[in-house]
Amino acid sequence: MAITGDLIYSFIVTVAFGLLQQIPPKTLLSAGLIGVAGRAIFLICSYHGQAPTMASFLGAVVIAVLAEIMARWQKVPVSVYVVASFIPLVPGLTTYEAMGDFLRGEYTQGIAKSTQAGLIAIAIAAGLAVVSSIARYHKAVANRKHKKTP
């Protein structure tokens, strides 16, 4: 039940952040589902013993792939989906705990948690960037082939 609640909250947070960012209303449902898919991959990877950094990277890859597909299908920029959908992967709790550790004077723990949060953020960015680069390369190759054939 806890996993189901986590996924429901992920959907709500994604849609709410999409509303806050004023993404087109026709994309809210699919952005929410993409956010849920990314969070589900994160939870599955974490359950199977992957580090939070790797789980976040894989979740971001899934989000980016689904965002690329949906953007082409609904003819909107990819950023419409990516901006809202990656929110469930953001290491907010880890950052919050790190700040609490610093305030309590537990600097070693605070630095460790801050480092972990930073690595997760880098993993999310890397997952999004890898898929975006591959998609752009694929599009450029397809355009080149299309122009060569008369």
C-alpha atoms as a PDB file:
ATOM      1  CA  MET A   1       0.000   0.000   0.000  1.00  0.00           C
ATOM      2  CA  ALA A   2       2.891   2.368   0.723  1.00  0.00           C
ATOM      3  CA  ILE A   3       4.155   2.037  -2.856  1.00  0.00           C
ATOM      4  CA  THR A   4       0.695   2.758  -4.256  1.00  0.00           C
ATOM      5  CA  GLY A   5       0.440   5.860  -2.082  1.00  0.00           C
ATOM      6  CA  ASP A   6       3.914   6.951  -3.186  1.00  0.00           C
ATOM      7  CA  LEU A   7       2.906   6.662  -6.847  1.00  0.00           C
ATOM      8  CA  ILE A   8      -0.385   8.493  -6.269  1.00  0.00           C
ATOM      9  CA  TYR A   9       1.477  11.305  -4.513  1.00  0.00           C
ATOM     10  CA  SER A  10       3.976  11.377  -7.382  1.00  0.00           C
ATOM     11  CA  PHE A  11       1.114  11.880  -9.826  1.00  0.00           C
ATOM     12  CA  ILE A  12      -0.407  14.649  -7.716  1.00  0.00           C
ATOM     13  CA  VAL A  13       2.928  16.432  -7.277  1.00  0.00           C
ATOM     14  CA  THR A  14       3.728  16.200 -10.981  1.00  0.00           C
ATOM     15  CA  VAL A  15       0.344  17.588 -12.035  1.00  0.00           C
ATOM     16  CA  ALA A  16       0.488  20.310  -9.381  1.00  0.00           C
ATOM     17  CA  PHE A  17       3.956  21.377 -10.489  1.00  0.00           C
ATOM     18  CA  GLY A  18       2.749  21.300 -14.099  1.00  0.00           C
ATOM     19  CA  LEU A  19      -0.091  23.634 -13.170  1.00  0.00           C
ATOM     20  CA  LEU A  20       2.354  25.883 -11.344  1.00  0.00           C
ATOM     21  CA  GLN A  21       4.587  25.994 -14.424  1.00  0.00           C
ATOM     22  CA  GLN A  22       1.533  26.585 -16.652  1.00  0.00           C
ATOM     23  CA  ILE A  23       2.122  23.690 -19.001  1.00  0.00           C
ATOM     24  CA  PRO A  24      -0.688  23.165 -21.531  1.00  0.00           C
ATOM     25  CA  PRO A  25      -3.747  21.531 -19.949  1.00  0.00           C
ATOM     26  CA  LYS A  26      -3.796  18.787 -22.601  1.00  0.00           C
ATOM     27  CA  THR A  27      -0.392  17.593 -21.347  1.00  0.00           C
ATOM     28  CA  LEU A  28      -1.131  17.449 -17.598  1.00  0.00           C
ATOM     29  CA  LEU A  29      -2.423  13.875 -17.507  1.00  0.00           C
ATOM     30  CA  SER A  30       0.399  12.454 -19.593  1.00  0.00           C
ATOM     31  CA  ALA A  31       3.007  14.475 -17.656  1.00  0.00           C
ATOM     32  CA  GLY A  32       1.582  13.039 -14.430  1.00  0.00           C
ATOM     33  CA  LEU A  33       1.800   9.503 -15.783  1.00  0.00           C
ATOM     34  CA  ILE A  34       5.364  10.086 -16.966  1.00  0.00           C
ATOM     35  CA  GLY A  35       6.274  11.306 -13.480  1.00  0.00           C
ATOM     36  CA  VAL A  36       4.704   8.183 -12.003  1.00  0.00           C
ATOM     37  CA  ALA A  37       6.649   5.975 -14.430  1.00  0.00           C
ATOM     38  CA  GLY A  38       9.938   7.617 -13.460  1.00  0.00           C
ATOM     39  CA  ARG A  39       9.174   7.272  -9.757  1.00  0.00           C
ATOM     40  CA  ALA A  40       8.126   3.630 -10.246  1.00  0.00           C
ATOM     41  CA  ILE A  41      11.467   2.845 -11.900  1.00  0.00           C
ATOM     42  CA  PHE A  42      13.235   4.601  -9.030  1.00  0.00           C
ATOM     43  CA  LEU A  43      11.311   2.524  -6.466  1.00  0.00           C
ATOM     44  CA  ILE A  44      11.866  -0.760  -8.346  1.00  0.00           C
ATOM     45  CA  CYS A  45      15.596  -0.107  -8.650  1.00  0.00           C
ATOM     46  CA  SER A  46      15.829   0.881  -4.989  1.00  0.00           C
ATOM     47  CA  TYR A  47      13.932  -2.258  -3.975  1.00  0.00           C
ATOM     48  CA  HIS A  48      16.427  -4.387  -5.897  1.00  0.00           C
ATOM     49  CA  GLY A  49      19.386  -2.822  -4.102  1.00  0.00           C
ATOM     50  CA  GLN A  50      20.492  -0.116  -6.522  1.00  0.00           C
ATOM     51  CA  ALA A  51      22.030   3.019  -5.050  1.00  0.00           C
ATOM     52  CA  PRO A  52      19.753   6.073  -5.029  1.00  0.00           C
ATOM     53  CA  THR A  53      22.028   7.731  -7.594  1.00  0.00           C
ATOM     54  CA  MET A  54      21.666   4.895 -10.115  1.00  0.00           C
ATOM     55  CA  ALA A  55      17.948   4.557  -9.415  1.00  0.00           C
ATOM     56  CA  SER A  56      17.497   8.283 -10.055  1.00  0.00           C
ATOM     57  CA  PHE A  57      19.517   8.067 -13.269  1.00  0.00           C
ATOM     58  CA  LEU A  58      17.378   5.201 -14.578  1.00  0.00           C
ATOM     59  CA  GLY A  59      14.179   6.975 -13.540  1.00  0.00           C
ATOM     60  CA  ALA A  60      15.344  10.098 -15.379  1.00  0.00           C
ATOM     61  CA  VAL A  61      16.125   8.052 -18.488  1.00  0.00           C
ATOM     62  CA  VAL A  62      12.601   6.619 -18.475  1.00  0.00           C
ATOM     63  CA  ILE A  63      11.121  10.093 -17.981  1.00  0.00           C
ATOM     64  CA  ALA A  64      13.199  11.523 -20.825  1.00  0.00           C
ATOM     65  CA  VAL A  65      12.304   8.705 -23.239  1.00  0.00           C
ATOM     66  CA  LEU A  66       8.591   8.989 -22.486  1.00  0.00           C
ATOM     67  CA  ALA A  67       8.781  12.791 -22.696  1.00  0.00           C
ATOM     68  CA  GLU A  68      10.412  12.586 -26.143  1.00  0.00           C
ATOM     69  CA  ILE A  69       7.696  10.207 -27.343  1.00  0.00           C
ATOM     70  CA  MET A  70       4.809  12.236 -25.931  1.00  0.00           C
ATOM     71  CA  ALA A  71       6.247  15.538 -27.170  1.00  0.00           C
ATOM     72  CA  ARG A  72       6.339  14.238 -30.721  1.00  0.00           C
ATOM     73  CA  TRP A  73       2.887  12.718 -30.432  1.00  0.00           C
ATOM     74  CA  GLN A  74       1.232  15.827 -28.986  1.00  0.00           C
ATOM     75  CA  LYS A  75       3.454  18.267 -30.930  1.00  0.00           C
ATOM     76  CA  VAL A  76       4.708  20.228 -27.925  1.00  0.00           C
ATOM     77  CA  PRO A  77       8.268  20.920 -26.717  1.00  0.00           C
ATOM     78  CA  VAL A  78       9.913  18.128 -24.733  1.00  0.00           C
ATOM     79  CA  SER A  79      10.550  20.553 -21.875  1.00  0.00           C
ATOM     80  CA  VAL A  80       6.788  20.683 -21.227  1.00  0.00           C
ATOM     81  CA  TYR A  81       6.963  17.104 -19.988  1.00  0.00           C
ATOM     82  CA  VAL A  82      10.456  17.070 -18.525  1.00  0.00           C
ATOM     83  CA  VAL A  83       9.986  20.124 -16.287  1.00  0.00           C
ATOM     84  CA  ALA A  84       7.001  18.670 -14.465  1.00  0.00           C
ATOM     85  CA  SER A  85       7.806  14.956 -14.634  1.00  0.00           C
ATOM     86  CA  PHE A  86      11.218  14.907 -12.995  1.00  0.00           C
ATOM     87  CA  ILE A  87       9.937  16.502  -9.769  1.00  0.00           C
ATOM     88  CA  PRO A  88       9.193  13.139  -8.042  1.00  0.00           C
ATOM     89  CA  LEU A  89      12.897  12.259  -8.404  1.00  0.00           C
ATOM     90  CA  VAL A  90      14.243  15.427  -6.776  1.00  0.00           C
ATOM     91  CA  PRO A  91      16.115  14.576  -3.545  1.00  0.00           C
ATOM     92  CA  GLY A  92      14.210  17.029  -1.373  1.00  0.00           C
ATOM     93  CA  LEU A  93      14.151  14.919   1.788  1.00  0.00           C
ATOM     94  CA  THR A  94      17.883  14.246   1.589  1.00  0.00           C
ATOM     95  CA  THR A  95      18.570  17.959   1.213  1.00  0.00           C
ATOM     96  CA  TYR A  96      16.228  18.771   4.099  1.00  0.00           C
ATOM     97  CA  GLU A  97      17.933  16.203   6.335  1.00  0.00           C
ATOM     98  CA  ALA A  98      21.361  17.579   5.371  1.00  0.00           C
ATOM     99  CA  MET A  99      20.326  21.079   6.409  1.00  0.00           C
ATOM    100  CA  GLY A 100      19.009  19.694   9.698  1.00  0.00           C
ATOM    101  CA  ASP A 101      22.316  17.927  10.290  1.00  0.00           C
ATOM    102  CA  PHE A 102      24.210  21.184   9.715  1.00  0.00           C
ATOM    103  CA  LEU A 103      21.946  23.041  12.131  1.00  0.00           C
ATOM    104  CA  ARG A 104      22.489  20.381  14.812  1.00  0.00           C
ATOM    105  CA  GLY A 105      26.255  20.611  14.326  1.00  0.00           C
ATOM    106  CA  GLU A 106      26.561  17.153  12.731  1.00  0.00           C
ATOM    107  CA  TYR A 107      28.754  18.400   9.915  1.00  0.00           C
ATOM    108  CA  THR A 108      30.056  15.048   8.730  1.00  0.00           C
ATOM    109  CA  GLN A 109      26.530  13.682   8.237  1.00  0.00           C
ATOM    110  CA  GLY A 110      25.424  16.963   6.666  1.00  0.00           C
ATOM    111  CA  ILE A 111      28.252  16.862   4.144  1.00  0.00           C
ATOM    112  CA  ALA A 112      27.534  13.208   3.336  1.00  0.00           C
ATOM    113  CA  LYS A 113      23.835  13.870   2.731  1.00  0.00           C
ATOM    114  CA  SER A 114      24.547  17.043   0.744  1.00  0.00           C
ATOM    115  CA  THR A 115      26.969  15.101  -1.425  1.00  0.00           C
ATOM    116  CA  GLN A 116      24.404  12.372  -1.961  1.00  0.00           C
ATOM    117  CA  ALA A 117      21.756  14.952  -2.922  1.00  0.00           C
ATOM    118  CA  GLY A 118      24.196  16.601  -5.326  1.00  0.00           C
ATOM    119  CA  LEU A 119      25.076  13.274  -6.940  1.00  0.00           C
ATOM    120  CA  ILE A 120      21.387  12.440  -7.353  1.00  0.00           C
ATOM    121  CA  ALA A 121      20.786  15.819  -9.002  1.00  0.00           C
ATOM    122  CA  ILE A 122      23.710  15.189 -11.361  1.00  0.00           C
ATOM    123  CA  ALA A 123      22.379  11.700 -12.137  1.00  0.00           C
ATOM    124  CA  ILE A 124      18.955  13.132 -13.006  1.00  0.00           C
ATOM    125  CA  ALA A 125      20.536  15.750 -15.268  1.00  0.00           C
ATOM    126  CA  ALA A 126      22.743  13.125 -16.904  1.00  0.00           C
ATOM    127  CA  GLY A 127      19.800  10.813 -17.583  1.00  0.00           C
ATOM    128  CA  LEU A 128      17.846  13.621 -19.209  1.00  0.00           C
ATOM    129  CA  ALA A 129      20.883  14.806 -21.199  1.00  0.00           C
ATOM    130  CA  VAL A 130      21.806  11.362 -22.532  1.00  0.00           C
ATOM    131  CA  VAL A 131      18.333  10.720 -23.909  1.00  0.00           C
ATOM    132  CA  SER A 132      18.029  14.249 -25.288  1.00  0.00           C
ATOM    133  CA  SER A 133      21.369  13.925 -27.076  1.00  0.00           C
ATOM    134  CA  ILE A 134      20.440  10.585 -28.592  1.00  0.00           C
ATOM    135  CA  ALA A 135      17.061  11.948 -29.718  1.00  0.00           C
ATOM    136  CA  ARG A 136      18.668  15.006 -31.337  1.00  0.00           C
ATOM    137  CA  TYR A 137      21.257  12.842 -33.087  1.00  0.00           C
ATOM    138  CA  HIS A 138      18.558  10.477 -34.331  1.00  0.00           C
ATOM    139  CA  LYS A 139      16.514  13.415 -35.624  1.00  0.00           C
ATOM    140  CA  ALA A 140      19.538  14.916 -37.411  1.00  0.00           C
ATOM    141  CA  VAL A 141      20.357  11.598 -39.087  1.00  0.00           C
ATOM    142  CA  ALA A 142      16.732  11.149 -40.149  1.00  0.00           C
ATOM    143  CA  ASN A 143      16.634  14.675 -41.599  1.00  0.00           C
ATOM    144  CA  ARG A 144      19.879  14.069 -43.517  1.00  0.00           C
ATOM    145  CA  LYS A 145      18.543  10.832 -45.013  1.00  0.00           C
ATOM    146  CA  HIS A 146      15.270  12.516 -45.906  1.00  0.00           C
ATOM    147  CA  LYS A 147      17.064  15.365 -47.744  1.00  0.00           C
ATOM    148  CA  LYS A 148      19.342  13.013 -49.729  1.00  0.00           C
ATOM    149  CA  THR A 149      16.562  10.893 -51.201  1.00  0.00           C
ATOM    150  CA  PRO A 150      14.773  12.686 -54.044  1.00  0.00           C
END
